[in-house]
Amino acid sequence: MKLKVNHAKSGIRQCYECNFLGHSLLKGGRLGLGKKSEQRLKDKIIEITSQNKGESFEMIILKLQPMLRGWLQCYKYANMSKKLQAIESWLRRKL
């Protein structure tokens, strides 16, 4: 078959160093939130909240709600209570 191995992706690693579908694997086999997933969420929030188009606070909230609901639905099995509190406080400061 002559398949090429991607040496950057393959290798022996600790479970917490790997990401799968935006989740990181924690010790004990639990799911955590990946760093890139958290950064992508923050980037989307910045994109929505930094638009200076004269939108009211209610319109910004209406744009954020479906995005946040979908994100939370996608990562609901991840153990991220402390990260979620940090993201919430960051979002409150942003608004």
N, C-alpha and C. Protein backbone atom coordinates (compact mmCIF):
# COMPACT_ATOMS: atom_id res chain seq x y z
N MET A 1 0.81 -1.20 0.00
CA MET A 1 0.00 0.00 0.00
C MET A 1 0.84 1.25 0.00
N LYS A 2 2.04 1.17 0.51
CA LYS A 2 2.99 2.28 0.50
C LYS A 2 2.39 3.56 1.11
N LEU A 3 1.87 3.44 2.32
CA LEU A 3 1.34 4.59 3.02
C LEU A 3 2.47 5.37 3.66
N LYS A 4 2.35 6.68 3.66
CA LYS A 4 3.35 7.53 4.30
C LYS A 4 2.90 7.84 5.72
N VAL A 5 3.83 7.76 6.65
CA VAL A 5 3.54 8.03 8.05
C VAL A 5 3.84 9.50 8.32
N ASN A 6 2.88 10.17 8.92
CA ASN A 6 3.08 11.56 9.33
C ASN A 6 3.73 11.54 10.71
N HIS A 7 5.02 11.82 10.77
CA HIS A 7 5.78 11.72 12.01
C HIS A 7 5.39 12.81 13.01
N ALA A 8 4.81 13.91 12.53
CA ALA A 8 4.37 14.95 13.46
C ALA A 8 3.14 14.52 14.24
N LYS A 9 2.29 13.68 13.63
CA LYS A 9 1.07 13.24 14.29
C LYS A 9 1.24 11.92 15.03
N SER A 10 2.11 11.08 14.56
CA SER A 10 2.24 9.77 15.17
C SER A 10 3.36 9.77 16.21
N GLY A 11 3.24 8.90 17.16
CA GLY A 11 4.26 8.79 18.19
C GLY A 11 3.67 8.30 19.48
N ILE A 12 4.52 8.07 20.44
CA ILE A 12 4.09 7.63 21.76
C ILE A 12 4.06 8.86 22.66
N ARG A 13 2.89 9.11 23.23
CA ARG A 13 2.70 10.30 24.06
C ARG A 13 1.91 9.93 25.31
N GLN A 14 1.94 10.83 26.26
CA GLN A 14 1.07 10.71 27.43
C GLN A 14 -0.36 11.01 26.98
N CYS A 15 -1.33 10.47 27.68
CA CYS A 15 -2.72 10.65 27.23
C CYS A 15 -3.16 12.11 27.29
N TYR A 16 -2.64 12.89 28.24
CA TYR A 16 -3.05 14.29 28.35
C TYR A 16 -2.44 15.17 27.26
N GLU A 17 -1.50 14.66 26.49
CA GLU A 17 -0.91 15.43 25.40
C GLU A 17 -1.68 15.29 24.10
N CYS A 18 -2.63 14.37 24.05
CA CYS A 18 -3.37 14.10 22.82
C CYS A 18 -4.70 14.82 22.82
N ASN A 19 -5.15 15.20 21.64
CA ASN A 19 -6.47 15.79 21.45
C ASN A 19 -7.24 14.94 20.47
N PHE A 20 -8.53 14.80 20.73
CA PHE A 20 -9.40 14.06 19.83
C PHE A 20 -10.72 14.79 19.74
N LEU A 21 -11.04 15.28 18.55
CA LEU A 21 -12.29 16.00 18.29
C LEU A 21 -12.49 17.16 19.26
N GLY A 22 -11.43 17.89 19.54
CA GLY A 22 -11.51 19.06 20.41
C GLY A 22 -11.44 18.74 21.89
N HIS A 23 -11.40 17.48 22.24
CA HIS A 23 -11.30 17.07 23.63
C HIS A 23 -9.88 16.62 23.92
N SER A 24 -9.45 16.87 25.13
CA SER A 24 -8.17 16.31 25.57
C SER A 24 -8.46 15.18 26.53
N LEU A 25 -7.59 14.22 26.56
CA LEU A 25 -7.76 13.10 27.47
C LEU A 25 -6.99 13.38 28.75
N LEU A 26 -7.68 13.29 29.87
CA LEU A 26 -7.08 13.55 31.17
C LEU A 26 -6.65 12.25 31.81
N LYS A 27 -5.95 12.36 32.90
CA LYS A 27 -5.56 11.16 33.63
C LYS A 27 -6.82 10.46 34.14
N GLY A 28 -6.81 9.17 34.09
CA GLY A 28 -7.98 8.41 34.50
C GLY A 28 -8.96 8.19 33.36
N GLY A 29 -8.63 8.64 32.15
CA GLY A 29 -9.49 8.43 31.00
C GLY A 29 -10.65 9.40 30.87
N ARG A 30 -10.65 10.44 31.67
CA ARG A 30 -11.73 11.43 31.57
C ARG A 30 -11.47 12.38 30.41
N LEU A 31 -12.53 13.03 29.95
CA LEU A 31 -12.42 14.00 28.87
C LEU A 31 -12.26 15.40 29.42
N GLY A 32 -11.39 16.16 28.81
CA GLY A 32 -11.22 17.55 29.16
C GLY A 32 -11.38 18.40 27.92
N LEU A 33 -11.33 19.69 28.10
CA LEU A 33 -11.47 20.62 26.99
C LEU A 33 -10.09 20.89 26.40
N GLY A 34 -9.97 20.77 25.09
CA GLY A 34 -8.70 21.04 24.43
C GLY A 34 -8.38 22.53 24.41
N LYS A 35 -7.11 22.86 24.40
CA LYS A 35 -6.69 24.27 24.42
C LYS A 35 -7.13 25.01 23.16
N LYS A 36 -7.04 24.33 22.02
CA LYS A 36 -7.44 24.97 20.77
C LYS A 36 -8.94 25.23 20.74
N SER A 37 -9.72 24.35 21.33
CA SER A 37 -11.17 24.52 21.37
C SER A 37 -11.54 25.75 22.19
N GLU A 38 -10.88 25.90 23.32
CA GLU A 38 -11.13 27.07 24.16
C GLU A 38 -10.73 28.35 23.43
N GLN A 39 -9.61 28.34 22.74
CA GLN A 39 -9.15 29.52 22.02
C GLN A 39 -10.09 29.86 20.86
N ARG A 40 -10.60 28.84 20.16
CA ARG A 40 -11.55 29.09 19.07
C ARG A 40 -12.83 29.71 19.59
N LEU A 41 -13.30 29.26 20.77
CA LEU A 41 -14.49 29.86 21.37
C LEU A 41 -14.24 31.32 21.69
N LYS A 42 -13.10 31.62 22.27
CA LYS A 42 -12.79 33.01 22.61
C LYS A 42 -12.68 33.87 21.35
N ASP A 43 -12.11 33.31 20.29
CA ASP A 43 -12.01 34.05 19.03
C ASP A 43 -13.38 34.36 18.45
N LYS A 44 -14.31 33.40 18.54
CA LYS A 44 -15.67 33.64 18.05
C LYS A 44 -16.38 34.70 18.88
N ILE A 45 -16.17 34.66 20.20
CA ILE A 45 -16.79 35.66 21.07
C ILE A 45 -16.23 37.04 20.76
N ILE A 46 -14.93 37.14 20.55
CA ILE A 46 -14.32 38.42 20.20
C ILE A 46 -14.87 38.93 18.88
N GLU A 47 -15.05 38.03 17.91
CA GLU A 47 -15.58 38.42 16.61
C GLU A 47 -16.99 38.98 16.74
N ILE A 48 -17.82 38.36 17.57
CA ILE A 48 -19.20 38.82 17.73
C ILE A 48 -19.27 40.11 18.53
N THR A 49 -18.48 40.21 19.59
CA THR A 49 -18.60 41.37 20.48
C THR A 49 -17.81 42.58 20.00
N SER A 50 -16.85 42.40 19.12
CA SER A 50 -16.02 43.55 18.72
C SER A 50 -16.55 44.25 17.48
N GLN A 51 -17.70 43.82 16.99
CA GLN A 51 -18.26 44.48 15.81
C GLN A 51 -18.89 45.80 16.25
N ASN A 52 -18.29 46.89 15.84
CA ASN A 52 -18.80 48.21 16.20
C ASN A 52 -19.77 48.68 15.13
N LYS A 53 -20.93 48.04 15.10
CA LYS A 53 -21.93 48.39 14.11
C LYS A 53 -23.13 49.08 14.75
N GLY A 54 -22.95 49.56 15.94
CA GLY A 54 -24.05 50.23 16.62
C GLY A 54 -25.13 49.27 17.08
N GLU A 55 -24.77 48.00 17.29
CA GLU A 55 -25.75 47.02 17.73
C GLU A 55 -26.01 47.18 19.22
N SER A 56 -27.23 46.92 19.61
CA SER A 56 -27.57 47.02 21.03
C SER A 56 -27.04 45.81 21.78
N PHE A 57 -27.02 45.93 23.08
CA PHE A 57 -26.56 44.85 23.94
C PHE A 57 -27.43 43.61 23.74
N GLU A 58 -28.74 43.81 23.56
CA GLU A 58 -29.66 42.69 23.37
C GLU A 58 -29.35 41.93 22.08
N MET A 59 -28.98 42.64 21.01
CA MET A 59 -28.65 41.99 19.75
C MET A 59 -27.37 41.16 19.88
N ILE A 60 -26.41 41.67 20.61
CA ILE A 60 -25.17 40.92 20.82
C ILE A 60 -25.46 39.65 21.61
N ILE A 61 -26.30 39.75 22.64
CA ILE A 61 -26.68 38.58 23.43
C ILE A 61 -27.42 37.57 22.56
N LEU A 62 -28.31 38.05 21.69
CA LEU A 62 -29.06 37.14 20.80
C LEU A 62 -28.13 36.42 19.83
N LYS A 63 -27.03 37.04 19.45
CA LYS A 63 -26.05 36.37 18.58
C LYS A 63 -25.20 35.37 19.36
N LEU A 64 -24.91 35.69 20.62
CA LEU A 64 -24.05 34.82 21.42
C LEU A 64 -24.78 33.56 21.90
N GLN A 65 -26.07 33.68 22.20
CA GLN A 65 -26.79 32.56 22.80
C GLN A 65 -26.75 31.27 21.98
N PRO A 66 -27.11 31.28 20.69
CA PRO A 66 -27.08 30.00 19.96
C PRO A 66 -25.67 29.44 19.80
N MET A 67 -24.70 30.32 19.66
CA MET A 67 -23.32 29.86 19.52
C MET A 67 -22.84 29.19 20.81
N LEU A 68 -23.14 29.80 21.95
CA LEU A 68 -22.72 29.24 23.23
C LEU A 68 -23.48 27.96 23.55
N ARG A 69 -24.78 27.92 23.23
CA ARG A 69 -25.55 26.69 23.46
C ARG A 69 -24.98 25.53 22.65
N GLY A 70 -24.67 25.77 21.39
CA GLY A 70 -24.12 24.72 20.55
C GLY A 70 -22.75 24.26 21.03
N TRP A 71 -21.94 25.21 21.46
CA TRP A 71 -20.61 24.87 21.96
C TRP A 71 -20.71 24.03 23.23
N LEU A 72 -21.61 24.43 24.14
CA LEU A 72 -21.79 23.67 25.37
C LEU A 72 -22.37 22.28 25.09
N GLN A 73 -23.24 22.18 24.11
CA GLN A 73 -23.80 20.88 23.74
C GLN A 73 -22.70 19.96 23.20
N CYS A 74 -21.80 20.52 22.44
CA CYS A 74 -20.71 19.73 21.84
C CYS A 74 -19.73 19.23 22.90
N TYR A 75 -19.45 20.03 23.90
CA TYR A 75 -18.45 19.70 24.90
C TYR A 75 -19.06 19.39 26.27
N LYS A 76 -20.30 18.90 26.29
CA LYS A 76 -20.98 18.68 27.57
C LYS A 76 -20.38 17.54 28.39
N TYR A 77 -19.67 16.62 27.77
CA TYR A 77 -19.10 15.50 28.50
C TYR A 77 -17.69 15.80 29.01
N ALA A 78 -17.15 16.93 28.67
CA ALA A 78 -15.80 17.28 29.12
C ALA A 78 -15.85 17.83 30.55
N ASN A 79 -14.86 17.47 31.32
CA ASN A 79 -14.74 18.02 32.68
C ASN A 79 -14.07 19.38 32.57
N MET A 80 -14.88 20.41 32.63
CA MET A 80 -14.34 21.75 32.39
C MET A 80 -15.00 22.80 33.29
N SER A 81 -15.40 22.45 34.49
CA SER A 81 -16.12 23.39 35.33
C SER A 81 -15.28 24.63 35.66
N LYS A 82 -14.01 24.44 35.98
CA LYS A 82 -13.16 25.60 36.30
C LYS A 82 -12.87 26.44 35.05
N LYS A 83 -12.64 25.77 33.92
CA LYS A 83 -12.41 26.50 32.68
C LYS A 83 -13.66 27.26 32.27
N LEU A 84 -14.83 26.65 32.49
CA LEU A 84 -16.09 27.30 32.14
C LEU A 84 -16.32 28.53 33.00
N GLN A 85 -15.97 28.46 34.27
CA GLN A 85 -16.08 29.64 35.14
C GLN A 85 -15.14 30.74 34.68
N ALA A 86 -13.94 30.38 34.26
CA ALA A 86 -12.98 31.38 33.78
C ALA A 86 -13.47 32.01 32.48
N ILE A 87 -14.04 31.20 31.59
CA ILE A 87 -14.57 31.73 30.33
C ILE A 87 -15.75 32.65 30.60
N GLU A 88 -16.61 32.26 31.55
CA GLU A 88 -17.77 33.08 31.89
C GLU A 88 -17.35 34.43 32.45
N SER A 89 -16.37 34.44 33.35
CA SER A 89 -15.92 35.71 33.91
C SER A 89 -15.24 36.56 32.85
N TRP A 90 -14.50 35.92 31.94
CA TRP A 90 -13.87 36.65 30.83
C TRP A 90 -14.93 37.26 29.93
N LEU A 91 -16.00 36.50 29.64
CA LEU A 91 -17.08 37.00 28.79
C LEU A 91 -17.81 38.16 29.46
N ARG A 92 -18.05 38.07 30.75
CA ARG A 92 -18.71 39.17 31.47
C ARG A 92 -17.87 40.44 31.42
N ARG A 93 -16.56 40.30 31.55
CA ARG A 93 -15.69 41.49 31.45
C ARG A 93 -15.71 42.03 30.03
N LYS A 94 -15.80 41.13 29.03
CA LYS A 94 -15.79 41.55 27.64
C LYS A 94 -17.05 42.34 27.30
N LEU A 95 -18.19 41.93 27.89
CA LEU A 95 -19.44 42.62 27.60
C LEU A 95 -19.55 43.86 28.45
